[in-house]
Amino acid sequence: MDASVSFFGNGRFFYCSRKEIKGVIYGVRVEDIEEPVMQEIRYLDKLIDELAKGKAMEKILREPAK
């Protein structure tokens, strides 16, 4: 099995509402990517990009602050 499929297929490392992460990364809308593994990679890219810009995790993941 391909290592990336194994990693992303595991699923326990990912936020369950990650599909709510919207936006453009590398000129492509994350929500429009059809290949499941590539979409999972871009969700991580988008998350890292937003964190690097200083955006709060609660805003990125759209959950109330604790």
PDB file of N, CA and C in Angstrom:
ATOM      1  N   MET A   1       0.842  -1.180   0.000  1.00  0.00           N
ATOM      2  CA  MET A   1       0.000   0.000   0.000  1.00  0.00           C
ATOM      3  C   MET A   1       0.885   1.241   0.000  1.00  0.00           C
ATOM      4  N   ASP A   2       0.495   2.224  -0.768  1.00  0.00           N
ATOM      5  CA  ASP A   2       1.198   3.492  -0.857  1.00  0.00           C
ATOM      6  C   ASP A   2       1.197   4.153   0.529  1.00  0.00           C
ATOM      7  N   ALA A   3       2.339   4.696   0.941  1.00  0.00           N
ATOM      8  CA  ALA A   3       2.470   5.300   2.271  1.00  0.00           C
ATOM      9  C   ALA A   3       1.495   6.456   2.469  1.00  0.00           C
ATOM     10  N   SER A   4       1.270   7.289   1.451  1.00  0.00           N
ATOM     11  CA  SER A   4       0.356   8.415   1.612  1.00  0.00           C
ATOM     12  C   SER A   4      -1.078   7.938   1.800  1.00  0.00           C
ATOM     13  N   VAL A   5      -1.474   6.896   1.085  1.00  0.00           N
ATOM     14  CA  VAL A   5      -2.817   6.360   1.241  1.00  0.00           C
ATOM     15  C   VAL A   5      -2.970   5.779   2.642  1.00  0.00           C
ATOM     16  N   SER A   6      -1.949   5.094   3.124  1.00  0.00           N
ATOM     17  CA  SER A   6      -1.985   4.531   4.471  1.00  0.00           C
ATOM     18  C   SER A   6      -2.091   5.642   5.515  1.00  0.00           C
ATOM     19  N   PHE A   7      -1.302   6.686   5.381  1.00  0.00           N
ATOM     20  CA  PHE A   7      -1.305   7.800   6.324  1.00  0.00           C
ATOM     21  C   PHE A   7      -2.652   8.500   6.341  1.00  0.00           C
ATOM     22  N   PHE A   8      -3.152   8.885   5.177  1.00  0.00           N
ATOM     23  CA  PHE A   8      -4.412   9.609   5.110  1.00  0.00           C
ATOM     24  C   PHE A   8      -5.610   8.698   5.332  1.00  0.00           C
ATOM     25  N   GLY A   9      -5.484   7.438   4.984  1.00  0.00           N
ATOM     26  CA  GLY A   9      -6.571   6.494   5.175  1.00  0.00           C
ATOM     27  C   GLY A   9      -6.830   6.177   6.630  1.00  0.00           C
ATOM     28  N   ASN A  10      -5.813   6.353   7.460  1.00  0.00           N
ATOM     29  CA  ASN A  10      -5.943   6.079   8.881  1.00  0.00           C
ATOM     30  C   ASN A  10      -7.008   6.956   9.510  1.00  0.00           C
ATOM     31  N   GLY A  11      -6.986   8.245   9.203  1.00  0.00           N
ATOM     32  CA  GLY A  11      -8.029   9.167   9.587  1.00  0.00           C
ATOM     33  C   GLY A  11      -8.050   9.643  11.024  1.00  0.00           C
ATOM     34  N   ARG A  12      -7.389   9.001  11.938  1.00  0.00           N
ATOM     35  CA  ARG A  12      -7.516   9.419  13.324  1.00  0.00           C
ATOM     36  C   ARG A  12      -6.705  10.664  13.659  1.00  0.00           C
ATOM     37  N   PHE A  13      -5.860  11.119  12.750  1.00  0.00           N
ATOM     38  CA  PHE A  13      -5.053  12.312  13.009  1.00  0.00           C
ATOM     39  C   PHE A  13      -5.723  13.592  12.538  1.00  0.00           C
ATOM     40  N   PHE A  14      -6.886  13.486  11.918  1.00  0.00           N
ATOM     41  CA  PHE A  14      -7.488  14.637  11.266  1.00  0.00           C
ATOM     42  C   PHE A  14      -8.746  15.122  11.955  1.00  0.00           C
ATOM     43  N   TYR A  15      -8.932  16.413  11.908  1.00  0.00           N
ATOM     44  CA  TYR A  15     -10.115  17.061  12.432  1.00  0.00           C
ATOM     45  C   TYR A  15     -11.320  16.603  11.621  1.00  0.00           C
ATOM     46  N   CYS A  16     -12.380  16.188  12.299  1.00  0.00           N
ATOM     47  CA  CYS A  16     -13.525  15.582  11.610  1.00  0.00           C
ATOM     48  C   CYS A  16     -14.259  16.563  10.700  1.00  0.00           C
ATOM     49  N   SER A  17     -14.182  17.859  10.957  1.00  0.00           N
ATOM     50  CA  SER A  17     -14.869  18.847  10.120  1.00  0.00           C
ATOM     51  C   SER A  17     -13.921  19.513   9.137  1.00  0.00           C
ATOM     52  N   ARG A  18     -12.837  18.852   8.805  1.00  0.00           N
ATOM     53  CA  ARG A  18     -11.850  19.463   7.906  1.00  0.00           C
ATOM     54  C   ARG A  18     -12.435  19.812   6.552  1.00  0.00           C
ATOM     55  N   LYS A  19     -13.508  19.140   6.160  1.00  0.00           N
ATOM     56  CA  LYS A  19     -14.124  19.429   4.866  1.00  0.00           C
ATOM     57  C   LYS A  19     -14.765  20.814   4.842  1.00  0.00           C
ATOM     58  N   GLU A  20     -14.887  21.435   6.006  1.00  0.00           N
ATOM     59  CA  GLU A  20     -15.387  22.807   6.076  1.00  0.00           C
ATOM     60  C   GLU A  20     -14.290  23.825   5.778  1.00  0.00           C
ATOM     61  N   ILE A  21     -13.049  23.384   5.722  1.00  0.00           N
ATOM     62  CA  ILE A  21     -11.945  24.283   5.384  1.00  0.00           C
ATOM     63  C   ILE A  21     -12.081  24.631   3.904  1.00  0.00           C
ATOM     64  N   LYS A  22     -12.231  25.906   3.619  1.00  0.00           N
ATOM     65  CA  LYS A  22     -12.432  26.381   2.252  1.00  0.00           C
ATOM     66  C   LYS A  22     -11.309  27.334   1.886  1.00  0.00           C
ATOM     67  N   GLY A  23     -11.130  27.542   0.601  1.00  0.00           N
ATOM     68  CA  GLY A  23     -10.165  28.530   0.159  1.00  0.00           C
ATOM     69  C   GLY A  23      -9.288  28.029  -0.965  1.00  0.00           C
ATOM     70  N   VAL A  24      -8.332  28.871  -1.319  1.00  0.00           N
ATOM     71  CA  VAL A  24      -7.433  28.591  -2.438  1.00  0.00           C
ATOM     72  C   VAL A  24      -6.040  28.333  -1.901  1.00  0.00           C
ATOM     73  N   ILE A  25      -5.438  27.281  -2.390  1.00  0.00           N
ATOM     74  CA  ILE A  25      -4.046  26.981  -2.062  1.00  0.00           C
ATOM     75  C   ILE A  25      -3.366  26.588  -3.358  1.00  0.00           C
ATOM     76  N   TYR A  26      -2.266  27.219  -3.663  1.00  0.00           N
ATOM     77  CA  TYR A  26      -1.545  27.001  -4.922  1.00  0.00           C
ATOM     78  C   TYR A  26      -2.442  27.217  -6.133  1.00  0.00           C
ATOM     79  N   GLY A  27      -3.355  28.175  -6.030  1.00  0.00           N
ATOM     80  CA  GLY A  27      -4.219  28.531  -7.154  1.00  0.00           C
ATOM     81  C   GLY A  27      -5.381  27.596  -7.414  1.00  0.00           C
ATOM     82  N   VAL A  28      -5.628  26.666  -6.507  1.00  0.00           N
ATOM     83  CA  VAL A  28      -6.717  25.699  -6.687  1.00  0.00           C
ATOM     84  C   VAL A  28      -7.627  25.752  -5.463  1.00  0.00           C
ATOM     85  N   ARG A  29      -8.932  25.779  -5.672  1.00  0.00           N
ATOM     86  CA  ARG A  29      -9.880  25.754  -4.566  1.00  0.00           C
ATOM     87  C   ARG A  29      -9.839  24.380  -3.904  1.00  0.00           C
ATOM     88  N   VAL A  30      -9.596  24.350  -2.609  1.00  0.00           N
ATOM     89  CA  VAL A  30      -9.471  23.099  -1.860  1.00  0.00           C
ATOM     90  C   VAL A  30     -10.727  22.246  -2.004  1.00  0.00           C
ATOM     91  N   GLU A  31     -11.880  22.874  -1.917  1.00  0.00           N
ATOM     92  CA  GLU A  31     -13.135  22.134  -1.963  1.00  0.00           C
ATOM     93  C   GLU A  31     -13.459  21.556  -3.345  1.00  0.00           C
ATOM     94  N   ASP A  32     -12.755  21.988  -4.385  1.00  0.00           N
ATOM     95  CA  ASP A  32     -13.010  21.494  -5.746  1.00  0.00           C
ATOM     96  C   ASP A  32     -12.100  20.349  -6.175  1.00  0.00           C
ATOM     97  N   ILE A  33     -11.138  19.976  -5.351  1.00  0.00           N
ATOM     98  CA  ILE A  33     -10.206  18.900  -5.698  1.00  0.00           C
ATOM     99  C   ILE A  33     -10.935  17.568  -5.611  1.00  0.00           C
ATOM    100  N   GLU A  34     -10.859  16.782  -6.681  1.00  0.00           N
ATOM    101  CA  GLU A  34     -11.595  15.522  -6.748  1.00  0.00           C
ATOM    102  C   GLU A  34     -10.814  14.331  -6.207  1.00  0.00           C
ATOM    103  N   GLU A  35      -9.503  14.314  -6.365  1.00  0.00           N
ATOM    104  CA  GLU A  35      -8.674  13.205  -5.893  1.00  0.00           C
ATOM    105  C   GLU A  35      -8.619  13.244  -4.360  1.00  0.00           C
ATOM    106  N   PRO A  36      -9.127  12.220  -3.661  1.00  0.00           N
ATOM    107  CA  PRO A  36      -9.207  12.248  -2.195  1.00  0.00           C
ATOM    108  C   PRO A  36      -7.875  12.454  -1.475  1.00  0.00           C
ATOM    109  N   VAL A  37      -6.832  11.784  -1.890  1.00  0.00           N
ATOM    110  CA  VAL A  37      -5.539  11.939  -1.218  1.00  0.00           C
ATOM    111  C   VAL A  37      -4.997  13.345  -1.432  1.00  0.00           C
ATOM    112  N   MET A  38      -5.104  13.869  -2.641  1.00  0.00           N
ATOM    113  CA  MET A  38      -4.630  15.226  -2.922  1.00  0.00           C
ATOM    114  C   MET A  38      -5.445  16.242  -2.129  1.00  0.00           C
ATOM    115  N   GLN A  39      -6.734  16.017  -1.980  1.00  0.00           N
ATOM    116  CA  GLN A  39      -7.557  16.935  -1.200  1.00  0.00           C
ATOM    117  C   GLN A  39      -7.125  16.931   0.271  1.00  0.00           C
ATOM    118  N   GLU A  40      -6.833  15.772   0.821  1.00  0.00           N
ATOM    119  CA  GLU A  40      -6.355  15.693   2.205  1.00  0.00           C
ATOM    120  C   GLU A  40      -5.038  16.448   2.363  1.00  0.00           C
ATOM    121  N   ILE A  41      -4.153  16.326   1.391  1.00  0.00           N
ATOM    122  CA  ILE A  41      -2.871  17.045   1.420  1.00  0.00           C
ATOM    123  C   ILE A  41      -3.119  18.546   1.403  1.00  0.00           C
ATOM    124  N   ARG A  42      -4.029  18.991   0.567  1.00  0.00           N
ATOM    125  CA  ARG A  42      -4.309  20.426   0.455  1.00  0.00           C
ATOM    126  C   ARG A  42      -4.999  20.968   1.695  1.00  0.00           C
ATOM    127  N   TYR A  43      -5.820  20.138   2.378  1.00  0.00           N
ATOM    128  CA  TYR A  43      -6.390  20.574   3.651  1.00  0.00           C
ATOM    129  C   TYR A  43      -5.258  20.891   4.629  1.00  0.00           C
ATOM    130  N   LEU A  44      -4.263  20.033   4.690  1.00  0.00           N
ATOM    131  CA  LEU A  44      -3.114  20.275   5.570  1.00  0.00           C
ATOM    132  C   LEU A  44      -2.339  21.512   5.122  1.00  0.00           C
ATOM    133  N   ASP A  45      -2.143  21.670   3.818  1.00  0.00           N
ATOM    134  CA  ASP A  45      -1.457  22.856   3.297  1.00  0.00           C
ATOM    135  C   ASP A  45      -2.184  24.122   3.719  1.00  0.00           C
ATOM    136  N   LYS A  46      -3.495  24.114   3.578  1.00  0.00           N
ATOM    137  CA  LYS A  46      -4.305  25.290   3.910  1.00  0.00           C
ATOM    138  C   LYS A  46      -4.226  25.579   5.406  1.00  0.00           C
ATOM    139  N   LEU A  47      -4.299  24.544   6.216  1.00  0.00           N
ATOM    140  CA  LEU A  47      -4.207  24.708   7.658  1.00  0.00           C
ATOM    141  C   LEU A  47      -2.866  25.331   8.045  1.00  0.00           C
ATOM    142  N   ILE A  48      -1.795  24.810   7.509  1.00  0.00           N
ATOM    143  CA  ILE A  48      -0.452  25.321   7.803  1.00  0.00           C
ATOM    144  C   ILE A  48      -0.291  26.754   7.304  1.00  0.00           C
ATOM    145  N   ASP A  49      -0.810  27.033   6.123  1.00  0.00           N
ATOM    146  CA  ASP A  49      -0.737  28.377   5.553  1.00  0.00           C
ATOM    147  C   ASP A  49      -1.446  29.389   6.451  1.00  0.00           C
ATOM    148  N   GLU A  50      -2.640  29.044   6.915  1.00  0.00           N
ATOM    149  CA  GLU A  50      -3.394  29.949   7.780  1.00  0.00           C
ATOM    150  C   GLU A  50      -2.710  30.135   9.135  1.00  0.00           C
ATOM    151  N   LEU A  51      -2.163  29.061   9.682  1.00  0.00           N
ATOM    152  CA  LEU A  51      -1.432  29.172  10.945  1.00  0.00           C
ATOM    153  C   LEU A  51      -0.199  30.060  10.786  1.00  0.00           C
ATOM    154  N   ALA A  52       0.495  29.925   9.673  1.00  0.00           N
ATOM    155  CA  ALA A  52       1.694  30.736   9.413  1.00  0.00           C
ATOM    156  C   ALA A  52       1.346  32.218   9.299  1.00  0.00           C
ATOM    157  N   LYS A  53       0.141  32.514   8.869  1.00  0.00           N
ATOM    158  CA  LYS A  53      -0.308  33.908   8.770  1.00  0.00           C
ATOM    159  C   LYS A  53      -0.750  34.455  10.114  1.00  0.00           C
ATOM    160  N   GLY A  54      -0.781  33.601  11.138  1.00  0.00           N
ATOM    161  CA  GLY A  54      -1.155  34.040  12.476  1.00  0.00           C
ATOM    162  C   GLY A  54      -2.624  33.896  12.804  1.00  0.00           C
ATOM    163  N   LYS A  55      -3.369  33.233  11.970  1.00  0.00           N
ATOM    164  CA  LYS A  55      -4.794  33.049  12.221  1.00  0.00           C
ATOM    165  C   LYS A  55      -4.989  32.029  13.345  1.00  0.00           C
ATOM    166  N   ALA A  56      -5.959  32.272  14.214  1.00  0.00           N
ATOM    167  CA  ALA A  56      -6.224  31.380  15.347  1.00  0.00           C
ATOM    168  C   ALA A  56      -6.799  30.050  14.863  1.00  0.00           C
ATOM    169  N   MET A  57      -6.393  28.974  15.525  1.00  0.00           N
ATOM    170  CA  MET A  57      -6.863  27.638  15.158  1.00  0.00           C
ATOM    171  C   MET A  57      -8.386  27.555  15.210  1.00  0.00           C
ATOM    172  N   GLU A  58      -9.017  28.198  16.186  1.00  0.00           N
ATOM    173  CA  GLU A  58     -10.478  28.162  16.298  1.00  0.00           C
ATOM    174  C   GLU A  58     -11.147  28.748  15.065  1.00  0.00           C
ATOM    175  N   LYS A  59     -10.548  29.804  14.505  1.00  0.00           N
ATOM    176  CA  LYS A  59     -11.121  30.412  13.303  1.00  0.00           C
ATOM    177  C   LYS A  59     -10.926  29.523  12.079  1.00  0.00           C
ATOM    178  N   ILE A  60      -9.783  28.896  11.982  1.00  0.00           N
ATOM    179  CA  ILE A  60      -9.502  28.028  10.845  1.00  0.00           C
ATOM    180  C   ILE A  60     -10.447  26.822  10.857  1.00  0.00           C
ATOM    181  N   LEU A  61     -10.607  26.233  12.036  1.00  0.00           N
ATOM    182  CA  LEU A  61     -11.433  25.031  12.163  1.00  0.00           C
ATOM    183  C   LEU A  61     -12.892  25.347  12.455  1.00  0.00           C
ATOM    184  N   ARG A  62     -13.205  26.640  12.583  1.00  0.00           N
ATOM    185  CA  ARG A  62     -14.574  27.100  12.785  1.00  0.00           C
ATOM    186  C   ARG A  62     -15.218  26.479  14.013  1.00  0.00           C
ATOM    187  N   GLU A  63     -14.508  26.558  15.108  1.00  0.00           N
ATOM    188  CA  GLU A  63     -15.063  26.069  16.363  1.00  0.00           C
ATOM    189  C   GLU A  63     -14.940  27.165  17.406  1.00  0.00           C
ATOM    190  N   PRO A  64     -15.825  27.168  18.394  1.00  0.00           N
ATOM    191  CA  PRO A  64     -15.772  28.215  19.413  1.00  0.00           C
ATOM    192  C   PRO A  64     -14.489  28.143  20.234  1.00  0.00           C
ATOM    193  N   ALA A  65     -14.006  29.310  20.653  1.00  0.00           N
ATOM    194  CA  ALA A  65     -12.813  29.365  21.505  1.00  0.00           C
ATOM    195  C   ALA A  65     -13.133  28.749  22.860  1.00  0.00           C
ATOM    196  N   LYS A  66     -12.132  28.095  23.445  1.00  0.00           N
ATOM    197  CA  LYS A  66     -12.359  27.430  24.747  1.00  0.00           C
ATOM    198  C   LYS A  66     -11.793  28.245  25.860  1.00  0.00           C
TER     199      LYS A  66
END
